[in-house]
Amino acid sequence: QVQLVESGGGLVQPGGSLKLSCAASGSIFGSATMSWYRQAPGKQREFVAQITSNGYTNYPDSVKGRFTISRDNAKNTVYLQMNSLKPEDTAVYYCRLAYIRTYWGQGTQVTVSS
């Protein structure tokens, strides 16, 4: 069974930065595609970033150039560096692992407000 634990969320002012982490248990991390999603109140969960086992990344236009996903297979951890944060980035951010099936973390709150 895979468990994902996110951390690094918090309150930040517009224009600021945060770095989220997601630590995975188990032995499949290195073969998995890792992603970040977010869900704002009253909205559907939306895709934020993805990194494959080979290191290829993908972002939607809404965060491209501001967010960077990376992974450390030795630590079974995926990161999301978020820069130039905007109030509309406020959401609960979820980590997802995909390998044969998908697993989700519990989420971490990011609030961008002055």
Protein backbone atom coordinates (compact mmCIF):
# COMPACT_ATOMS: atom_id res chain seq x y z
CA GLN A 1 0.00 0.00 0.00
CA VAL A 2 1.32 3.44 -0.98
CA GLN A 3 0.93 6.42 1.31
CA LEU A 4 1.55 10.00 0.25
CA VAL A 5 2.17 12.79 2.74
CA GLU A 6 2.21 16.41 1.56
CA SER A 7 3.80 19.27 3.47
CA GLY A 8 4.92 22.85 2.95
CA GLY A 9 1.61 24.63 2.59
CA GLY A 10 0.77 27.85 4.38
CA LEU A 11 -0.12 31.50 4.07
CA VAL A 12 1.90 33.65 1.68
CA GLN A 13 1.50 37.14 0.26
CA PRO A 14 0.85 37.70 -3.45
CA GLY A 15 4.11 37.53 -5.34
CA GLY A 16 5.64 35.22 -2.77
CA SER A 17 6.91 31.65 -3.02
CA LEU A 18 6.25 28.29 -1.42
CA LYS A 19 7.73 24.85 -1.92
CA LEU A 20 5.51 21.84 -1.40
CA SER A 21 6.82 18.34 -0.73
CA CYS A 22 5.16 14.96 -1.08
CA ALA A 23 6.83 11.93 0.47
CA ALA A 24 5.78 8.48 -0.72
CA SER A 25 6.06 5.15 1.01
CA GLY A 26 6.68 1.89 -0.81
CA SER A 27 9.00 0.83 -3.58
CA ILE A 28 7.23 1.96 -6.75
CA PHE A 29 8.02 5.68 -6.55
CA GLY A 30 10.85 5.55 -9.09
CA SER A 31 8.59 3.97 -11.71
CA ALA A 32 5.61 6.20 -11.09
CA THR A 33 4.32 9.36 -12.72
CA MET A 34 3.89 11.99 -10.04
CA SER A 35 1.48 14.88 -10.26
CA TRP A 36 0.15 17.81 -8.30
CA TYR A 37 -3.50 18.85 -8.40
CA ARG A 38 -5.38 21.57 -6.55
CA GLN A 39 -8.94 22.22 -5.51
CA ALA A 40 -10.32 25.60 -4.54
CA PRO A 41 -13.58 25.95 -2.58
CA GLY A 42 -16.58 25.32 -4.81
CA LYS A 43 -14.43 24.28 -7.77
CA GLN A 44 -13.38 21.01 -9.34
CA ARG A 45 -9.96 19.56 -8.73
CA GLU A 46 -7.58 20.72 -11.44
CA PHE A 47 -4.23 19.57 -12.78
CA VAL A 48 -1.20 21.64 -11.79
CA ALA A 49 1.95 19.76 -12.76
CA GLN A 50 3.27 16.34 -13.73
CA ILE A 51 6.65 14.63 -13.89
CA THR A 52 7.18 11.20 -15.40
CA SER A 53 9.60 8.54 -14.23
CA ASN A 54 11.97 9.78 -16.95
CA GLY A 55 11.77 13.35 -15.73
CA TYR A 56 9.52 14.81 -18.42
CA THR A 57 7.34 17.59 -17.08
CA ASN A 58 4.01 19.10 -18.06
CA TYR A 59 2.07 22.14 -16.83
CA PRO A 60 -1.16 23.92 -17.68
CA ASP A 61 -0.88 27.47 -18.98
CA SER A 62 -2.20 28.85 -15.69
CA VAL A 63 1.02 27.93 -13.84
CA LYS A 64 3.58 27.54 -16.63
CA GLY A 65 6.65 29.66 -15.93
CA ARG A 66 5.73 30.10 -12.27
CA PHE A 67 5.60 26.53 -10.91
CA THR A 68 8.29 23.86 -11.18
CA ILE A 69 7.85 20.19 -10.36
CA SER A 70 10.84 18.03 -9.50
CA ARG A 71 11.53 14.68 -7.92
CA ASP A 72 14.20 12.99 -5.82
CA ASN A 73 13.91 9.24 -6.32
CA ALA A 74 16.47 8.55 -3.59
CA LYS A 75 14.14 10.24 -1.10
CA ASN A 76 10.85 9.05 -2.65
CA THR A 77 9.79 12.69 -2.75
CA VAL A 78 8.27 15.01 -5.32
CA TYR A 79 8.36 18.78 -4.97
CA LEU A 80 6.40 21.73 -6.29
CA GLN A 81 8.20 25.05 -6.27
CA MET A 82 5.65 27.83 -6.60
CA ASN A 83 6.79 31.35 -7.41
CA SER A 84 4.96 34.59 -8.18
CA LEU A 85 1.93 33.31 -6.34
CA LYS A 86 -1.45 34.88 -7.00
CA PRO A 87 -4.64 34.91 -4.91
CA GLU A 88 -6.21 32.58 -7.47
CA ASP A 89 -3.59 29.96 -6.57
CA THR A 90 -5.32 29.56 -3.22
CA ALA A 91 -6.44 25.95 -2.88
CA VAL A 92 -5.79 22.62 -1.25
CA TYR A 93 -2.91 21.02 -3.14
CA TYR A 94 -2.87 17.25 -3.59
CA CYS A 95 -0.10 14.92 -4.62
CA ARG A 96 -0.93 11.99 -6.89
CA LEU A 97 1.08 8.86 -7.71
CA ALA A 98 0.16 6.87 -10.79
CA TYR A 99 1.56 3.37 -11.35
CA ILE A 100 -0.93 0.68 -12.39
CA ARG A 101 -3.38 2.50 -10.15
CA THR A 102 -3.50 5.95 -8.61
CA TYR A 103 -2.94 7.09 -5.05
CA TRP A 104 -3.69 10.47 -3.50
CA GLY A 105 -2.33 12.34 -0.54
CA GLN A 106 -4.46 14.10 2.05
CA GLY A 107 -3.70 17.58 0.73
CA THR A 108 -2.02 20.71 2.05
CA GLN A 109 -3.62 24.16 2.17
CA VAL A 110 -2.04 27.03 0.27
CA THR A 111 -3.48 30.49 0.89
CA VAL A 112 -2.28 33.51 -1.07
CA SER A 113 -3.51 36.69 0.55
CA SER A 114 -2.29 40.05 1.74
